[in-house]
Amino acid sequence: MDEHKVRKLFFERLEHLSPEAEYELRHPDYVMEMPQSGERIRGRDAMRAFQEAYPNPPTIQPRRVVGSGEVWVVEGRSDYGDDRVFDVVDIVEFRDGRILRETRYYAEPFDAPQWRAELVERM
């Protein structure tokens, strides 16, 4: 995938797509893994069913996209609307111009320890 297409996908389109539209972006052999929960979704039909069954899908705000060729990494924020916001890293692999595989990692924000306050820059 070229960089322009990937950036357009993650910054312009993916934030506003429906499960039906996302289905078309996925390769027939699509797999999504979430190592922290030990879950795997195999197949774009299964992913579409997962999305349609999700009771309150989060909004996702991409922050940065880096990569080249067929492997890209997306950093972003996932807001569940109930004061739960997670930083997310999604490793995305493409084949034939479609998303073949995703590996998603979620991190809950935490308060930094006081001992390092003078050693770091706050974001």
C-alpha atoms as a PDB file:
ATOM      1  CA  MET A   1       0.000   0.000   0.000  1.00  0.00           C
ATOM      2  CA  ASP A   2       1.247   3.469  -0.718  1.00  0.00           C
ATOM      3  CA  GLU A   3       1.473   6.016   2.076  1.00  0.00           C
ATOM      4  CA  HIS A   4      -1.174   8.340   0.643  1.00  0.00           C
ATOM      5  CA  LYS A   5      -3.796   5.556   0.507  1.00  0.00           C
ATOM      6  CA  VAL A   6      -2.978   4.354   4.028  1.00  0.00           C
ATOM      7  CA  ARG A   7      -3.172   7.839   5.533  1.00  0.00           C
ATOM      8  CA  LYS A   8      -6.446   8.518   3.748  1.00  0.00           C
ATOM      9  CA  LEU A   9      -7.861   5.233   5.035  1.00  0.00           C
ATOM     10  CA  PHE A  10      -6.973   5.824   8.679  1.00  0.00           C
ATOM     11  CA  PHE A  11      -7.364   9.586   8.958  1.00  0.00           C
ATOM     12  CA  GLU A  12     -10.306  10.287   6.662  1.00  0.00           C
ATOM     13  CA  ARG A  13     -12.331   7.143   6.140  1.00  0.00           C
ATOM     14  CA  LEU A  14     -11.996   4.706   9.025  1.00  0.00           C
ATOM     15  CA  GLU A  15     -13.302   7.118  11.655  1.00  0.00           C
ATOM     16  CA  HIS A  16     -16.649   7.321   9.854  1.00  0.00           C
ATOM     17  CA  LEU A  17     -17.175   3.877   8.356  1.00  0.00           C
ATOM     18  CA  SER A  18     -19.921   1.425   9.112  1.00  0.00           C
ATOM     19  CA  PRO A  19     -19.357  -2.329   9.620  1.00  0.00           C
ATOM     20  CA  GLU A  20     -20.633  -2.844   6.059  1.00  0.00           C
ATOM     21  CA  ALA A  21     -18.141  -0.373   4.566  1.00  0.00           C
ATOM     22  CA  GLU A  22     -15.249  -1.708   6.654  1.00  0.00           C
ATOM     23  CA  TYR A  23     -16.113  -5.226   5.462  1.00  0.00           C
ATOM     24  CA  GLU A  24     -15.205  -4.176   1.918  1.00  0.00           C
ATOM     25  CA  LEU A  25     -11.772  -2.952   3.085  1.00  0.00           C
ATOM     26  CA  ARG A  26     -10.889  -6.347   4.552  1.00  0.00           C
ATOM     27  CA  HIS A  27      -9.271  -9.234   2.742  1.00  0.00           C
ATOM     28  CA  PRO A  28     -11.335 -12.470   2.660  1.00  0.00           C
ATOM     29  CA  ASP A  29      -8.625 -14.126   4.837  1.00  0.00           C
ATOM     30  CA  TYR A  30      -8.783 -11.332   7.442  1.00  0.00           C
ATOM     31  CA  VAL A  31      -7.655 -12.019  11.029  1.00  0.00           C
ATOM     32  CA  MET A  32      -7.751  -9.652  14.012  1.00  0.00           C
ATOM     33  CA  GLU A  33      -6.024 -10.453  17.298  1.00  0.00           C
ATOM     34  CA  MET A  34      -6.177  -8.754  20.686  1.00  0.00           C
ATOM     35  CA  PRO A  35      -3.298 -10.328  22.669  1.00  0.00           C
ATOM     36  CA  GLN A  36      -4.237  -8.675  25.972  1.00  0.00           C
ATOM     37  CA  SER A  37      -7.629 -10.398  26.086  1.00  0.00           C
ATOM     38  CA  GLY A  38      -6.438 -13.526  24.268  1.00  0.00           C
ATOM     39  CA  GLU A  39      -9.052 -13.145  21.510  1.00  0.00           C
ATOM     40  CA  ARG A  40      -8.848 -13.755  17.772  1.00  0.00           C
ATOM     41  CA  ILE A  41     -11.465 -13.001  15.148  1.00  0.00           C
ATOM     42  CA  ARG A  42     -10.973 -15.022  11.994  1.00  0.00           C
ATOM     43  CA  GLY A  43     -12.609 -13.888   8.754  1.00  0.00           C
ATOM     44  CA  ARG A  44     -14.194 -10.661   7.651  1.00  0.00           C
ATOM     45  CA  ASP A  45     -17.684 -12.102   8.141  1.00  0.00           C
ATOM     46  CA  ALA A  46     -16.865 -12.818  11.794  1.00  0.00           C
ATOM     47  CA  MET A  47     -15.445  -9.296  12.232  1.00  0.00           C
ATOM     48  CA  ARG A  48     -18.569  -7.747  10.752  1.00  0.00           C
ATOM     49  CA  ALA A  49     -20.755  -9.803  13.115  1.00  0.00           C
ATOM     50  CA  PHE A  50     -18.524  -8.728  16.039  1.00  0.00           C
ATOM     51  CA  GLN A  51     -18.917  -5.059  15.093  1.00  0.00           C
ATOM     52  CA  GLU A  52     -22.683  -5.333  14.623  1.00  0.00           C
ATOM     53  CA  ALA A  53     -23.070  -7.029  18.021  1.00  0.00           C
ATOM     54  CA  TYR A  54     -20.920  -4.478  19.885  1.00  0.00           C
ATOM     55  CA  PRO A  55     -23.263  -2.741  22.370  1.00  0.00           C
ATOM     56  CA  ASN A  56     -21.562   0.679  22.451  1.00  0.00           C
ATOM     57  CA  PRO A  57     -18.706   0.984  19.926  1.00  0.00           C
ATOM     58  CA  PRO A  58     -15.965   3.433  20.858  1.00  0.00           C
ATOM     59  CA  THR A  59     -14.996   6.411  18.769  1.00  0.00           C
ATOM     60  CA  ILE A  60     -11.452   6.097  17.477  1.00  0.00           C
ATOM     61  CA  GLN A  61      -9.209   9.076  16.867  1.00  0.00           C
ATOM     62  CA  PRO A  62      -6.041   8.212  14.922  1.00  0.00           C
ATOM     63  CA  ARG A  63      -2.997  10.143  16.094  1.00  0.00           C
ATOM     64  CA  ARG A  64      -0.146   8.819  13.982  1.00  0.00           C
ATOM     65  CA  VAL A  65       0.395   6.340  11.146  1.00  0.00           C
ATOM     66  CA  VAL A  66       3.848   4.966  10.329  1.00  0.00           C
ATOM     67  CA  GLY A  67       5.066   2.128   8.158  1.00  0.00           C
ATOM     68  CA  SER A  68       5.732   1.171   4.581  1.00  0.00           C
ATOM     69  CA  GLY A  69       4.781  -1.411   2.026  1.00  0.00           C
ATOM     70  CA  GLU A  70       2.332  -3.917   3.463  1.00  0.00           C
ATOM     71  CA  VAL A  71       2.842  -3.234   7.216  1.00  0.00           C
ATOM     72  CA  TRP A  72       1.626  -0.092   9.000  1.00  0.00           C
ATOM     73  CA  VAL A  73       1.218   0.934  12.640  1.00  0.00           C
ATOM     74  CA  VAL A  74      -1.616   3.177  13.751  1.00  0.00           C
ATOM     75  CA  GLU A  75      -1.524   4.977  17.108  1.00  0.00           C
ATOM     76  CA  GLY A  76      -4.733   6.432  18.401  1.00  0.00           C
ATOM     77  CA  ARG A  77      -7.249   6.929  21.180  1.00  0.00           C
ATOM     78  CA  SER A  78     -10.314   4.830  21.728  1.00  0.00           C
ATOM     79  CA  ASP A  79     -13.091   6.612  23.657  1.00  0.00           C
ATOM     80  CA  TYR A  80     -15.888   4.448  25.015  1.00  0.00           C
ATOM     81  CA  GLY A  81     -17.970   7.432  26.140  1.00  0.00           C
ATOM     82  CA  ASP A  82     -18.227   6.402  29.796  1.00  0.00           C
ATOM     83  CA  ASP A  83     -15.008   8.039  31.019  1.00  0.00           C
ATOM     84  CA  ARG A  84     -12.992   5.089  29.676  1.00  0.00           C
ATOM     85  CA  VAL A  85     -10.367   6.204  27.177  1.00  0.00           C
ATOM     86  CA  PHE A  86      -7.602   3.900  25.999  1.00  0.00           C
ATOM     87  CA  ASP A  87      -4.516   4.513  23.929  1.00  0.00           C
ATOM     88  CA  VAL A  88      -4.448   1.956  21.144  1.00  0.00           C
ATOM     89  CA  VAL A  89      -1.750   0.647  18.832  1.00  0.00           C
ATOM     90  CA  ASP A  90      -2.914  -1.304  15.794  1.00  0.00           C
ATOM     91  CA  ILE A  91      -0.439  -3.188  13.629  1.00  0.00           C
ATOM     92  CA  VAL A  92      -2.086  -3.493  10.221  1.00  0.00           C
ATOM     93  CA  GLU A  93      -0.936  -5.783   7.424  1.00  0.00           C
ATOM     94  CA  PHE A  94      -2.246  -5.494   3.872  1.00  0.00           C
ATOM     95  CA  ARG A  95      -2.530  -7.951   1.005  1.00  0.00           C
ATOM     96  CA  ASP A  96      -3.898  -7.138  -2.435  1.00  0.00           C
ATOM     97  CA  GLY A  97      -4.800  -3.622  -1.256  1.00  0.00           C
ATOM     98  CA  ARG A  98      -7.016  -4.878   1.588  1.00  0.00           C
ATOM     99  CA  ILE A  99      -6.512  -5.306   5.325  1.00  0.00           C
ATOM    100  CA  LEU A 100      -5.331  -8.870   5.904  1.00  0.00           C
ATOM    101  CA  ARG A 101      -4.368  -8.829   9.565  1.00  0.00           C
ATOM    102  CA  GLU A 102      -4.625  -6.530  12.572  1.00  0.00           C
ATOM    103  CA  THR A 103      -3.047  -6.891  15.984  1.00  0.00           C
ATOM    104  CA  ARG A 104      -4.506  -4.429  18.491  1.00  0.00           C
ATOM    105  CA  TYR A 105      -2.993  -3.408  21.824  1.00  0.00           C
ATOM    106  CA  TYR A 106      -4.924  -1.288  24.330  1.00  0.00           C
ATOM    107  CA  ALA A 107      -3.369   0.718  27.164  1.00  0.00           C
ATOM    108  CA  GLU A 108      -5.275   2.420  29.935  1.00  0.00           C
ATOM    109  CA  PRO A 109      -3.857   5.802  30.965  1.00  0.00           C
ATOM    110  CA  PHE A 110      -2.232   5.955  34.404  1.00  0.00           C
ATOM    111  CA  ASP A 111      -0.867   8.627  36.706  1.00  0.00           C
ATOM    112  CA  ALA A 112       2.898   9.010  36.445  1.00  0.00           C
ATOM    113  CA  PRO A 113       4.842   8.468  39.670  1.00  0.00           C
ATOM    114  CA  GLN A 114       5.934  11.646  41.422  1.00  0.00           C
ATOM    115  CA  TRP A 115       9.599  10.558  41.650  1.00  0.00           C
ATOM    116  CA  ARG A 116      10.145  11.186  37.936  1.00  0.00           C
ATOM    117  CA  ALA A 117       8.252  14.491  37.607  1.00  0.00           C
ATOM    118  CA  GLU A 118      11.471  16.539  37.240  1.00  0.00           C
ATOM    119  CA  LEU A 119      12.945  14.073  34.734  1.00  0.00           C
ATOM    120  CA  VAL A 120      10.193  14.092  32.122  1.00  0.00           C
ATOM    121  CA  GLU A 121       8.213  16.497  30.002  1.00  0.00           C
ATOM    122  CA  ARG A 122       4.427  16.322  30.508  1.00  0.00           C
ATOM    123  CA  MET A 123       2.337  15.772  27.374  1.00  0.00           C
END
